[in-house]
């Protein structure tokens, strides 16, 4: 597992935070995702042999938020 921090654009409330975290943790290979509204970032712990950063990006963008690799 590796840990990386990504920027997320559009998170403004606790509901946004939960949507982003839930979208990421639903992916196979993601151990944890902790979003921070104030910094507009999410820390993701994931198995890079099971999920790619691009898949993380797609999951967040599908929820309506921007995601920077």
Protein backbone atom coordinates (compact mmCIF):
# COMPACT_ATOMS: atom_id res chain seq x y z
CA UNK A 1 0.00 0.00 0.00
CA UNK A 2 1.14 3.50 -0.77
CA UNK A 3 -0.16 6.78 0.60
CA UNK A 4 -0.64 9.80 -1.67
CA UNK A 5 -2.29 13.18 -1.31
CA UNK A 6 -4.43 14.52 -4.15
CA UNK A 7 -6.16 17.87 -4.63
CA UNK A 8 -9.95 17.83 -4.86
CA UNK A 9 -11.78 20.83 -6.25
CA UNK A 10 -15.34 21.58 -5.18
CA UNK A 11 -15.51 20.12 -1.66
CA UNK A 12 -17.36 22.66 0.48
CA UNK A 13 -19.16 20.78 3.27
CA UNK A 14 -19.16 17.56 5.31
CA UNK A 15 -21.49 15.96 2.75
CA UNK A 16 -18.92 16.63 -0.01
CA UNK A 17 -16.17 15.15 2.16
CA UNK A 18 -18.20 11.98 2.73
CA UNK A 19 -19.06 11.59 -0.97
CA UNK A 20 -15.41 11.80 -1.96
CA UNK A 21 -14.29 9.39 0.77
CA UNK A 22 -17.07 6.90 -0.02
CA UNK A 23 -16.37 6.99 -3.77
CA UNK A 24 -12.70 6.23 -3.18
CA UNK A 25 -13.11 3.55 -0.51
CA UNK A 26 -15.60 1.73 -2.74
CA UNK A 27 -12.80 0.95 -5.19
CA UNK A 28 -11.03 -2.41 -4.84
CA UNK A 29 -7.52 -1.81 -3.57
CA UNK A 30 -8.26 1.36 -1.59
CA UNK A 31 -7.58 0.88 2.10
CA UNK A 32 -8.55 4.36 3.28
CA UNK A 33 -9.42 7.84 2.06
CA UNK A 34 -9.48 10.88 4.34
CA UNK A 35 -10.59 14.15 2.80
CA UNK A 36 -9.98 17.60 4.28
CA UNK A 37 -12.44 20.34 3.32
CA UNK A 38 -10.19 23.23 4.35
CA UNK A 39 -7.13 22.15 2.37
CA UNK A 40 -9.23 20.69 -0.49
CA UNK A 41 -7.14 17.52 -0.39
CA UNK A 42 -7.67 13.81 0.13
CA UNK A 43 -5.12 11.35 1.48
CA UNK A 44 -5.57 7.93 -0.09
CA UNK A 45 -3.90 4.70 0.98
CA UNK A 46 -4.13 2.25 -1.92
CA UNK A 47 -2.59 -0.84 -3.47
CA UNK A 48 -1.16 0.38 -6.77
CA UNK A 49 -1.28 -3.16 -8.18
CA UNK A 50 -5.09 -3.14 -7.82
CA UNK A 51 -6.10 0.45 -8.52
CA UNK A 52 -4.47 3.28 -10.49
CA UNK A 53 -4.44 7.00 -9.75
CA UNK A 54 -6.51 7.44 -12.92
CA UNK A 55 -9.20 5.18 -11.46
CA UNK A 56 -9.16 7.26 -8.28
CA UNK A 57 -9.57 10.36 -10.41
CA UNK A 58 -12.51 8.88 -12.34
CA UNK A 59 -14.30 7.89 -9.13
CA UNK A 60 -14.04 11.43 -7.72
CA UNK A 61 -14.95 13.10 -11.00
CA UNK A 62 -17.99 10.82 -11.33
CA UNK A 63 -19.21 12.40 -8.07
CA UNK A 64 -18.91 15.85 -9.58
CA UNK A 65 -15.62 17.02 -8.09
CA UNK A 66 -12.32 17.96 -9.70
CA UNK A 67 -9.29 15.79 -8.98
CA UNK A 68 -5.64 16.60 -9.65
CA UNK A 69 -3.12 13.81 -10.01
